[in-house]
Amino acid sequence: MLSQDHQAQLDFIKQEIAQLVRDGSTSSAIERLTMMLGSMGELEDYKPLRGAILALRADLRLDEDDEEGAWEDAQKAMNFGWYDAAVHAIAGWAMLHMEKLDVARDQFTKAIELNAEKARPFVGRALVALEEEDFDGARQDLTRAVQIDPKDDTAWALRAEVGINLGTVESALADIQRARTIAPEDADHALFFARLILTKGDTEAARKALGVAVADEDAALEALCLRSHLNLQASKVKEARADAIKATNNFPDEAFAFVCLASAQIAEGNGQLALKAAERAVALDPTLPDAYIARAAANHLLGNTEARLEDEARFKDEMPELHEFLLGPVAAHIDPAAFFPAPPAPKAKEPAKPQGAPGIPGMEGMPNFGIPGLGGMNPAAMLDQVFDADGNIKPAFKPIMRMALKNAPSLLKTMPSSMLEQRGIDPKMLDGVDLDNIDEAELEAQMKLFYKMMKSQG
């Protein structure tokens, strides 16, 4: 494509630009290429070389998050006859970042047609498919990407995300573990692994992984709040509060940070501080049910009955969002009741702490998905808090029932048969059960019968 002399010039230019980039002077490298382009003649023979230099500048502009500049340079390079896989891939990434998915897909496809032995265009096209929820197409491209480059941790992590969306939890877990083997200090990989390993009930492994996810000063809010929540479940209240405080310091405009702080303060019995945090959450996002749930819990701890009832009325018909916020795409595979944001609890003489679930047959060794001040997950301690005297579910707890109803089908589909058998459930019994069409009123009626049966045995 280039003459021998022009190829030699291009090789020299690449070396010079690479050195500037290594020195951290990407902007200087862009300026240098711009100067070269300005000094070149308009002769026909120089068109391919101009195209090659424009492609180099496009790549640098992409690194500097100048997607429009990168796209413009890539187009000019092609107009000068510089058609190679790299320039089409650059154009694809620029269009992907600009959310022009159809154009991005076309450019990645052209890059693959020109060179099918490069992994990154397959990753780029997979990201387009992910945006369009074409999970089968994304998995196909990512599988090809990891075959070409088994050390591409991003491709493995993306395939894990595709796997969880396809409901293949085991393969998703294997893929994210592969990504973490390649890049053990990557915070995003650590967070996704923590979420996935919770599907196995392994909260200790999740907390350990989150140690990596929150190590940097710019740790993600989801990682900080998830570790705070898991620390609460493990009765590590001081650690939970520390994570929540860091979350509020780093994300002072995010309501969920203050919901997490309020939960930690409630677990410590600090009603006033909990109320202050919850008030901040409500102010930041007046539409967030979890903010009102936290404020109701704080008011209950302080004995402010009227204020508690007002907040209960606000969220009784709303679905809490903490579950999906903390778990992201993994949320559909984990019981949402474990991530309910501190519902109103009985006032205790000592700070309430999350408890385990030793009273539930088959739950031994499972994570302590306790709710502060609610007697953990012990049925005997919880019944009178969840049901009224007539056996009806109290309004404050109906969101939990709705979450359980919403997630029951996917939870049972992904739960290992051995876990079902430990709880006395024959997995074959579920084959003919259509949980997707259970009526909420029917479920509440069954729970009412369960409550009366338990009370009669007590």
Protein backbone atom coordinates (compact mmCIF):
# COMPACT_ATOMS: atom_id res chain seq x y z
CA MET A 1 0.00 0.00 0.00
CA LEU A 2 2.95 2.31 0.75
CA SER A 3 6.11 2.77 -1.26
CA GLN A 4 9.31 1.53 0.34
CA ASP A 5 10.40 5.08 1.20
CA HIS A 6 7.02 6.00 2.67
CA GLN A 7 6.91 2.78 4.70
CA ALA A 8 10.32 3.66 6.17
CA GLN A 9 9.02 7.15 7.04
CA LEU A 10 5.92 5.68 8.66
CA ASP A 11 7.99 3.25 10.74
CA PHE A 12 10.14 6.13 12.00
CA ILE A 13 7.04 8.21 12.80
CA LYS A 14 5.51 5.31 14.74
CA GLN A 15 8.65 4.97 16.86
CA GLU A 16 8.69 8.69 17.63
CA ILE A 17 4.99 8.73 18.54
CA ALA A 18 5.29 5.58 20.67
CA GLN A 19 8.06 7.21 22.71
CA LEU A 20 5.95 10.32 23.33
CA VAL A 21 3.04 8.15 24.49
CA ARG A 22 5.32 6.17 26.81
CA ASP A 23 6.47 9.48 28.28
CA GLY A 24 2.84 10.36 29.01
CA SER A 25 2.67 13.04 26.32
CA THR A 26 -0.23 11.84 24.18
CA SER A 27 -1.32 15.41 23.51
CA SER A 28 2.20 16.22 22.28
CA ALA A 29 2.05 13.16 20.03
CA ILE A 30 -1.21 14.39 18.51
CA GLU A 31 0.31 17.84 17.94
CA ARG A 32 3.37 16.26 16.31
CA LEU A 33 1.21 14.27 13.87
CA THR A 34 -0.88 17.36 13.12
CA MET A 35 2.28 19.28 12.28
CA MET A 36 3.46 16.48 9.98
CA LEU A 37 0.14 16.45 8.14
CA GLY A 38 0.28 20.21 7.70
CA SER A 39 3.75 20.09 6.19
CA MET A 40 3.03 17.30 3.71
CA GLY A 41 2.34 18.08 0.11
CA GLU A 42 -0.92 17.39 -1.73
CA LEU A 43 0.70 15.11 -4.30
CA GLU A 44 -1.18 11.93 -5.21
CA ASP A 45 1.75 9.79 -4.10
CA TYR A 46 1.43 11.09 -0.54
CA LYS A 47 -2.24 10.13 -0.10
CA PRO A 48 -1.60 6.65 1.38
CA LEU A 49 1.00 8.06 3.80
CA ARG A 50 -1.39 10.84 4.85
CA GLY A 51 -4.03 8.18 5.42
CA ALA A 52 -1.67 6.15 7.60
CA ILE A 53 -0.75 9.20 9.69
CA LEU A 54 -4.42 10.15 10.06
CA ALA A 55 -5.12 6.62 11.30
CA LEU A 56 -2.37 7.04 13.91
CA ARG A 57 -3.88 10.33 15.06
CA ALA A 58 -7.36 8.79 15.16
CA ASP A 59 -6.10 6.09 17.52
CA LEU A 60 -4.52 8.68 19.84
CA ARG A 61 -7.66 10.82 19.82
CA LEU A 62 -9.68 7.77 20.80
CA ASP A 63 -7.35 7.23 23.76
CA GLU A 64 -7.98 10.86 24.75
CA ASP A 65 -11.78 10.29 24.65
CA ASP A 66 -12.12 12.53 21.59
CA GLU A 67 -14.53 10.20 19.78
CA GLU A 68 -15.66 12.79 17.23
CA GLY A 69 -12.07 13.64 16.33
CA ALA A 70 -11.18 9.96 16.07
CA TRP A 71 -14.13 9.27 13.78
CA GLU A 72 -13.28 12.26 11.59
CA ASP A 73 -9.64 11.18 11.24
CA ALA A 74 -10.61 7.57 10.52
CA GLN A 75 -12.98 8.71 7.76
CA LYS A 76 -10.30 10.95 6.23
CA ALA A 77 -7.80 8.09 6.37
CA MET A 78 -10.20 5.89 4.41
CA ASN A 79 -10.81 8.69 1.91
CA PHE A 80 -7.06 8.75 1.29
CA GLY A 81 -7.20 5.04 0.53
CA TRP A 82 -5.98 3.75 3.89
CA TYR A 83 -8.24 0.73 4.39
CA ASP A 84 -6.96 -1.66 7.03
CA ALA A 85 -8.53 -3.53 9.93
CA ALA A 86 -7.09 -1.14 12.50
CA VAL A 87 -8.69 2.02 11.09
CA HIS A 88 -12.09 0.33 10.80
CA ALA A 89 -11.78 -0.87 14.39
CA ILE A 90 -10.93 2.68 15.53
CA ALA A 91 -14.01 3.95 13.69
CA GLY A 92 -16.07 1.22 15.35
CA TRP A 93 -14.92 2.15 18.87
CA ALA A 94 -15.58 5.84 18.18
CA MET A 95 -19.12 5.11 17.01
CA LEU A 96 -19.74 2.74 19.94
CA HIS A 97 -18.78 5.44 22.44
CA MET A 98 -21.05 7.86 20.58
CA GLU A 99 -23.87 5.27 20.84
CA LYS A 100 -24.25 4.95 17.06
CA LEU A 101 -24.58 1.20 17.26
CA ASP A 102 -25.45 0.34 13.66
CA VAL A 103 -22.43 2.20 12.31
CA ALA A 104 -20.20 0.73 15.03
CA ARG A 105 -21.30 -2.81 14.16
CA ASP A 106 -20.61 -2.23 10.46
CA GLN A 107 -17.12 -0.89 11.16
CA PHE A 108 -16.22 -3.77 13.48
CA THR A 109 -17.51 -6.25 10.90
CA LYS A 110 -15.33 -4.66 8.20
CA ALA A 111 -12.33 -4.85 10.53
CA ILE A 112 -13.02 -8.56 11.12
CA GLU A 113 -13.41 -9.20 7.39
CA LEU A 114 -10.00 -7.62 6.76
CA ASN A 115 -8.29 -9.43 9.66
CA ALA A 116 -10.13 -12.12 11.60
CA GLU A 117 -7.11 -12.85 13.79
CA LYS A 118 -7.44 -9.76 15.99
CA ALA A 119 -9.48 -10.09 19.18
CA ARG A 120 -10.49 -6.49 19.85
CA PRO A 121 -12.91 -6.02 16.91
CA PHE A 122 -14.78 -9.12 18.12
CA VAL A 123 -14.95 -7.58 21.61
CA GLY A 124 -16.22 -4.32 20.13
CA ARG A 125 -18.93 -6.05 18.11
CA ALA A 126 -19.89 -8.05 21.20
CA LEU A 127 -20.37 -4.81 23.13
CA VAL A 128 -22.73 -3.61 20.42
CA ALA A 129 -24.66 -6.87 20.74
CA LEU A 130 -24.76 -6.46 24.53
CA GLU A 131 -26.24 -2.98 24.17
CA GLU A 132 -28.91 -4.47 21.92
CA GLU A 133 -29.45 -7.41 24.32
CA ASP A 134 -28.39 -9.87 21.63
CA PHE A 135 -26.71 -12.10 24.21
CA ASP A 136 -26.25 -15.09 21.92
CA GLY A 137 -24.48 -12.95 19.34
CA ALA A 138 -22.33 -11.34 22.02
CA ARG A 139 -21.32 -14.71 23.43
CA GLN A 140 -20.35 -15.98 19.97
CA ASP A 141 -18.05 -12.99 19.34
CA LEU A 142 -16.54 -13.10 22.84
CA THR A 143 -15.84 -16.80 22.52
CA ARG A 144 -13.92 -16.07 19.33
CA ALA A 145 -12.08 -13.22 21.08
CA VAL A 146 -10.82 -15.40 23.95
CA GLN A 147 -9.81 -18.10 21.47
CA ILE A 148 -7.64 -15.55 19.65
CA ASP A 149 -6.31 -13.95 22.84
CA PRO A 150 -6.78 -16.09 25.97
CA LYS A 151 -5.13 -13.34 28.06
CA ASP A 152 -7.79 -10.72 27.26
CA ASP A 153 -9.31 -10.34 30.74
CA THR A 154 -11.91 -7.86 29.48
CA ALA A 155 -13.27 -10.41 27.01
CA TRP A 156 -13.55 -13.06 29.74
CA ALA A 157 -15.33 -10.60 32.06
CA LEU A 158 -17.74 -9.55 29.33
CA ARG A 159 -18.51 -13.18 28.56
CA ALA A 160 -19.31 -13.63 32.26
CA GLU A 161 -21.78 -10.74 32.00
CA VAL A 162 -23.34 -12.36 28.94
CA GLY A 163 -23.54 -15.65 30.82
CA ILE A 164 -25.46 -14.19 33.73
CA ASN A 165 -27.90 -12.57 31.31
CA LEU A 166 -28.40 -15.97 29.65
CA GLY A 167 -28.93 -17.58 33.05
CA THR A 168 -25.78 -19.73 32.89
CA VAL A 169 -24.46 -18.88 36.35
CA GLU A 170 -21.82 -21.62 36.48
CA SER A 171 -20.18 -20.61 33.20
CA ALA A 172 -20.37 -16.94 34.16
CA LEU A 173 -18.57 -17.69 37.42
CA ALA A 174 -15.89 -19.67 35.58
CA ASP A 175 -15.36 -16.81 33.12
CA ILE A 176 -15.03 -14.10 35.76
CA GLN A 177 -12.60 -16.29 37.70
CA ARG A 178 -10.53 -16.58 34.51
CA ALA A 179 -10.58 -12.79 34.16
CA ARG A 180 -9.44 -12.36 37.77
CA THR A 181 -6.60 -14.83 37.27
CA ILE A 182 -5.31 -12.61 34.45
CA ALA A 183 -5.98 -9.29 36.23
CA PRO A 184 -6.30 -10.02 39.99
CA GLU A 185 -6.25 -6.34 40.99
CA ASP A 186 -8.97 -5.19 38.60
CA ALA A 187 -11.72 -3.58 40.69
CA ASP A 188 -14.54 -4.18 38.17
CA HIS A 189 -13.69 -7.88 37.88
CA ALA A 190 -13.58 -8.16 41.69
CA LEU A 191 -17.01 -6.55 42.08
CA PHE A 192 -18.61 -8.80 39.48
CA PHE A 193 -17.02 -11.88 41.05
CA ALA A 194 -18.35 -10.83 44.47
CA ARG A 195 -21.84 -10.51 43.05
CA LEU A 196 -21.64 -13.86 41.29
CA ILE A 197 -20.22 -15.80 44.23
CA LEU A 198 -23.17 -14.63 46.34
CA THR A 199 -25.36 -16.89 44.18
CA LYS A 200 -23.50 -19.71 45.98
CA GLY A 201 -24.09 -18.14 49.39
CA ASP A 202 -20.36 -17.57 49.88
CA THR A 203 -20.41 -14.18 51.59
CA GLU A 204 -16.87 -14.57 52.92
CA ALA A 205 -15.44 -14.96 49.40
CA ALA A 206 -17.57 -12.01 48.30
CA ARG A 207 -16.25 -9.81 51.11
CA LYS A 208 -12.67 -10.82 50.29
CA ALA A 209 -13.12 -9.91 46.62
CA LEU A 210 -14.72 -6.62 47.57
CA GLY A 211 -11.53 -5.80 49.45
CA VAL A 212 -9.93 -5.51 46.01
CA ALA A 213 -12.91 -3.65 44.57
CA VAL A 214 -12.79 -0.90 47.22
CA ALA A 215 -9.00 -0.66 47.54
CA ASP A 216 -8.61 2.43 45.36
CA GLU A 217 -9.76 5.90 46.34
CA ASP A 218 -12.10 5.96 43.34
CA ALA A 219 -13.88 2.74 44.35
CA ALA A 220 -17.34 2.26 42.85
CA LEU A 221 -20.33 3.18 44.99
CA GLU A 222 -21.87 -0.25 44.39
CA ALA A 223 -18.75 -1.97 45.73
CA LEU A 224 -18.62 0.17 48.89
CA CYS A 225 -22.32 -0.26 49.63
CA LEU A 226 -22.29 -4.00 48.89
CA ARG A 227 -19.39 -4.60 51.28
CA SER A 228 -21.09 -2.42 53.89
CA HIS A 229 -24.24 -4.52 53.51
CA LEU A 230 -22.34 -7.82 53.77
CA ASN A 231 -20.45 -6.54 56.80
CA LEU A 232 -23.79 -5.81 58.46
CA GLN A 233 -24.92 -9.36 57.74
CA ALA A 234 -21.71 -10.63 59.35
CA SER A 235 -22.33 -8.43 62.43
CA LYS A 236 -19.25 -6.36 61.54
CA VAL A 237 -21.09 -3.13 62.24
CA LYS A 238 -18.03 -0.91 62.68
CA GLU A 239 -16.62 -2.05 59.33
CA ALA A 240 -20.02 -1.56 57.69
CA ARG A 241 -20.19 2.00 58.99
CA ALA A 242 -16.65 2.73 57.74
CA ASP A 243 -17.54 1.59 54.20
CA ALA A 244 -20.77 3.59 54.27
CA ILE A 245 -18.97 6.73 55.46
CA LYS A 246 -16.44 6.36 52.64
CA ALA A 247 -19.35 5.99 50.23
CA THR A 248 -20.97 9.22 51.43
CA ASN A 249 -17.64 11.07 51.31
CA ASN A 250 -16.87 9.89 47.77
CA PHE A 251 -20.44 10.16 46.49
CA PRO A 252 -22.10 13.00 48.45
CA ASP A 253 -24.84 13.36 45.84
CA GLU A 254 -25.89 9.69 45.72
CA ALA A 255 -28.93 8.73 47.79
CA PHE A 256 -27.94 5.06 48.04
CA ALA A 257 -24.74 6.01 49.89
CA PHE A 258 -26.82 7.57 52.65
CA VAL A 259 -29.28 4.66 52.68
CA CYS A 260 -26.32 2.38 53.42
CA LEU A 261 -25.04 4.74 56.12
CA ALA A 262 -28.47 4.88 57.72
CA SER A 263 -28.62 1.06 57.80
CA ALA A 264 -25.23 0.91 59.54
CA GLN A 265 -26.28 3.54 62.09
CA ILE A 266 -29.52 1.66 62.77
CA ALA A 267 -27.55 -1.53 63.40
CA GLU A 268 -25.46 0.38 65.95
CA GLY A 269 -28.58 1.79 67.58
CA ASN A 270 -27.69 5.39 66.64
CA GLY A 271 -31.18 6.61 65.84
CA GLN A 272 -30.35 10.30 65.48
CA LEU A 273 -27.41 9.70 63.14
CA ALA A 274 -29.46 7.17 61.18
CA LEU A 275 -32.28 9.68 60.82
CA LYS A 276 -29.85 12.35 59.62
CA ALA A 277 -28.46 10.01 56.95
CA ALA A 278 -31.94 8.90 55.87
CA GLU A 279 -33.13 12.51 55.64
CA ARG A 280 -30.21 13.23 53.34
CA ALA A 281 -31.14 10.23 51.17
CA VAL A 282 -34.73 11.47 50.89
CA ALA A 283 -33.54 14.96 49.97
CA LEU A 284 -31.23 13.61 47.27
CA ASP A 285 -33.85 11.34 45.70
CA PRO A 286 -37.46 11.89 46.84
CA THR A 287 -38.59 9.06 44.52
CA LEU A 288 -36.38 6.35 46.07
CA PRO A 289 -38.46 3.94 48.21
CA ASP A 290 -35.34 2.76 50.04
CA ALA A 291 -34.76 6.26 51.41
CA TYR A 292 -38.19 6.25 53.06
CA ILE A 293 -37.68 2.69 54.32
CA ALA A 294 -34.46 3.78 56.01
CA ARG A 295 -36.09 6.89 57.47
CA ALA A 296 -39.02 4.86 58.77
CA ALA A 297 -36.59 2.48 60.48
CA ALA A 298 -34.70 5.37 62.06
CA ASN A 299 -37.92 6.97 63.29
CA HIS A 300 -39.05 3.64 64.70
CA LEU A 301 -35.78 3.34 66.59
CA LEU A 302 -36.38 6.81 68.03
CA GLY A 303 -39.99 6.05 68.89
CA ASN A 304 -41.38 8.59 66.38
CA THR A 305 -44.49 6.56 65.55
CA GLU A 306 -46.33 9.18 63.52
CA ALA A 307 -43.33 9.93 61.31
CA ARG A 308 -42.68 6.21 60.85
CA LEU A 309 -46.26 5.57 59.76
CA GLU A 310 -46.10 8.43 57.26
CA ASP A 311 -43.02 6.94 55.63
CA GLU A 312 -44.49 3.43 55.65
CA ALA A 313 -47.46 4.81 53.75
CA ARG A 314 -45.08 6.28 51.16
CA PHE A 315 -43.28 3.03 50.33
CA LYS A 316 -45.90 0.35 51.00
CA ASP A 317 -46.77 0.04 47.29
CA GLU A 318 -43.23 0.54 45.97
CA MET A 319 -40.53 -1.99 45.14
CA PRO A 320 -37.23 -1.34 46.96
CA GLU A 321 -34.32 -0.79 44.58
CA LEU A 322 -31.33 -1.59 46.81
CA HIS A 323 -31.28 -5.22 45.66
CA GLU A 324 -30.78 -4.40 41.98
CA PHE A 325 -28.44 -1.50 42.75
CA LEU A 326 -26.05 -3.67 44.77
CA LEU A 327 -26.16 -6.76 42.57
CA GLY A 328 -26.60 -5.39 39.06
CA PRO A 329 -27.24 -8.12 36.47
CA VAL A 330 -26.89 -10.81 39.16
CA ALA A 331 -29.92 -9.51 41.08
CA ALA A 332 -32.37 -11.89 39.41
CA HIS A 333 -30.45 -14.87 40.80
CA ILE A 334 -30.32 -13.87 44.50
CA ASP A 335 -33.16 -13.64 47.01
CA PRO A 336 -34.08 -9.93 47.20
CA ALA A 337 -35.25 -10.23 50.81
CA ALA A 338 -31.59 -10.54 51.79
CA PHE A 339 -31.01 -7.00 50.54
CA PHE A 340 -34.05 -5.24 51.96
CA PRO A 341 -32.94 -1.82 53.29
CA ALA A 342 -33.57 -2.05 57.06
CA PRO A 343 -37.38 -2.16 57.50
CA PRO A 344 -38.92 -0.84 60.75
CA ALA A 345 -37.67 -2.91 63.66
CA PRO A 346 -38.76 -3.19 67.31
CA LYS A 347 -36.96 -0.80 69.60
CA ALA A 348 -34.22 -2.67 71.43
CA LYS A 349 -32.40 -1.89 74.67
CA GLU A 350 -29.10 -2.73 73.01
CA PRO A 351 -28.02 -1.95 69.46
CA ALA A 352 -29.64 -4.48 67.18
CA LYS A 353 -27.29 -6.70 65.20
CA PRO A 354 -27.89 -8.92 62.20
CA GLN A 355 -28.32 -12.54 63.16
CA GLY A 356 -27.97 -15.83 61.38
CA ALA A 357 -30.58 -18.40 60.57
CA PRO A 358 -29.94 -21.40 62.84
CA GLY A 359 -33.65 -21.93 63.36
CA ILE A 360 -34.46 -22.77 59.73
CA PRO A 361 -33.88 -26.42 58.74
CA GLY A 362 -31.47 -26.67 55.84
CA MET A 363 -30.19 -23.11 56.25
CA GLU A 364 -27.13 -24.09 58.30
CA GLY A 365 -23.99 -22.66 56.76
CA MET A 366 -25.92 -20.25 54.56
CA PRO A 367 -25.12 -16.53 54.66
CA ASN A 368 -26.53 -14.43 57.51
CA PHE A 369 -29.08 -12.46 55.56
CA GLY A 370 -30.38 -10.88 58.76
CA ILE A 371 -32.30 -7.62 58.99
CA PRO A 372 -31.21 -5.27 61.81
CA GLY A 373 -33.52 -5.51 64.78
CA LEU A 374 -35.76 -8.14 63.23
CA GLY A 375 -34.35 -11.27 64.85
CA GLY A 376 -32.24 -12.24 61.86
CA MET A 377 -34.06 -14.83 59.78
CA ASN A 378 -35.38 -16.79 62.78
CA PRO A 379 -39.09 -17.45 62.07
CA ALA A 380 -40.09 -17.41 65.74
CA ALA A 381 -38.62 -13.95 66.19
CA MET A 382 -39.96 -12.62 62.89
CA LEU A 383 -43.58 -13.80 62.75
CA ASP A 384 -45.09 -11.16 65.00
CA GLN A 385 -43.12 -8.45 63.21
CA VAL A 386 -44.29 -9.48 59.74
CA PHE A 387 -47.95 -10.41 60.44
CA ASP A 388 -50.68 -8.60 62.34
CA ALA A 389 -53.00 -10.30 64.83
CA ASP A 390 -55.30 -11.52 62.05
CA GLY A 391 -52.46 -13.09 60.08
CA ASN A 392 -52.29 -10.37 57.41
CA ILE A 393 -48.91 -9.17 56.18
CA LYS A 394 -48.12 -5.73 57.57
CA PRO A 395 -47.84 -3.01 54.90
CA ALA A 396 -44.15 -2.38 55.62
CA PHE A 397 -43.28 -5.92 54.57
CA LYS A 398 -45.36 -6.21 51.43
CA PRO A 399 -42.47 -4.94 49.26
CA ILE A 400 -40.44 -7.97 50.38
CA MET A 401 -43.27 -10.26 49.32
CA ARG A 402 -43.48 -8.53 45.93
CA MET A 403 -39.74 -8.91 45.41
CA ALA A 404 -39.89 -12.57 46.35
CA LEU A 405 -42.82 -13.12 43.98
CA LYS A 406 -41.00 -11.31 41.16
CA ASN A 407 -37.76 -13.26 41.58
CA ALA A 408 -39.00 -16.71 42.60
CA PRO A 409 -38.98 -18.19 39.06
CA SER A 410 -35.40 -17.23 38.22
CA LEU A 411 -34.16 -18.12 41.71
CA LEU A 412 -35.54 -21.64 41.57
CA LYS A 413 -34.35 -22.16 38.00
CA THR A 414 -30.76 -21.34 38.95
CA MET A 415 -30.68 -22.90 42.43
CA PRO A 416 -28.62 -26.13 42.45
CA SER A 417 -30.72 -29.27 42.91
CA SER A 418 -28.61 -30.26 45.92
CA MET A 419 -29.58 -27.03 47.68
CA LEU A 420 -33.27 -27.72 47.00
CA GLU A 421 -32.91 -31.27 48.33
CA GLN A 422 -31.29 -29.96 51.53
CA ARG A 423 -34.48 -28.01 52.11
CA GLY A 424 -36.67 -31.06 51.58
CA ILE A 425 -37.74 -30.08 48.05
CA ASP A 426 -37.74 -32.61 45.24
CA PRO A 427 -36.40 -30.71 42.19
CA LYS A 428 -38.72 -32.74 39.94
CA MET A 429 -41.71 -31.26 41.77
CA LEU A 430 -40.88 -27.87 40.23
CA ASP A 431 -41.19 -29.09 36.64
CA GLY A 432 -44.93 -28.55 36.53
CA VAL A 433 -45.04 -25.42 38.69
CA ASP A 434 -45.73 -22.15 36.88
CA LEU A 435 -44.36 -19.57 39.32
CA ASP A 436 -44.56 -16.81 36.73
CA ASN A 437 -48.34 -16.72 37.02
CA ILE A 438 -48.78 -16.83 40.79
CA ASP A 439 -51.25 -14.18 41.95
CA GLU A 440 -50.07 -11.88 44.76
CA ALA A 441 -53.35 -12.30 46.65
CA GLU A 442 -53.06 -16.09 46.40
CA LEU A 443 -49.52 -16.01 47.74
CA GLU A 444 -50.56 -13.77 50.64
CA ALA A 445 -53.40 -16.16 51.49
CA GLN A 446 -50.98 -19.08 51.60
CA MET A 447 -48.62 -17.12 53.85
CA LYS A 448 -51.51 -16.30 56.16
CA LEU A 449 -52.26 -20.02 56.54
CA PHE A 450 -48.56 -20.65 57.21
CA TYR A 451 -48.56 -17.99 59.94
CA LYS A 452 -51.60 -19.46 61.68
CA MET A 453 -50.11 -22.95 61.51
CA MET A 454 -46.83 -21.75 63.03
CA LYS A 455 -48.64 -19.86 65.79
CA SER A 456 -50.76 -22.89 66.63
CA GLN A 457 -47.60 -24.96 67.00
CA GLY A 458 -45.99 -22.32 69.21
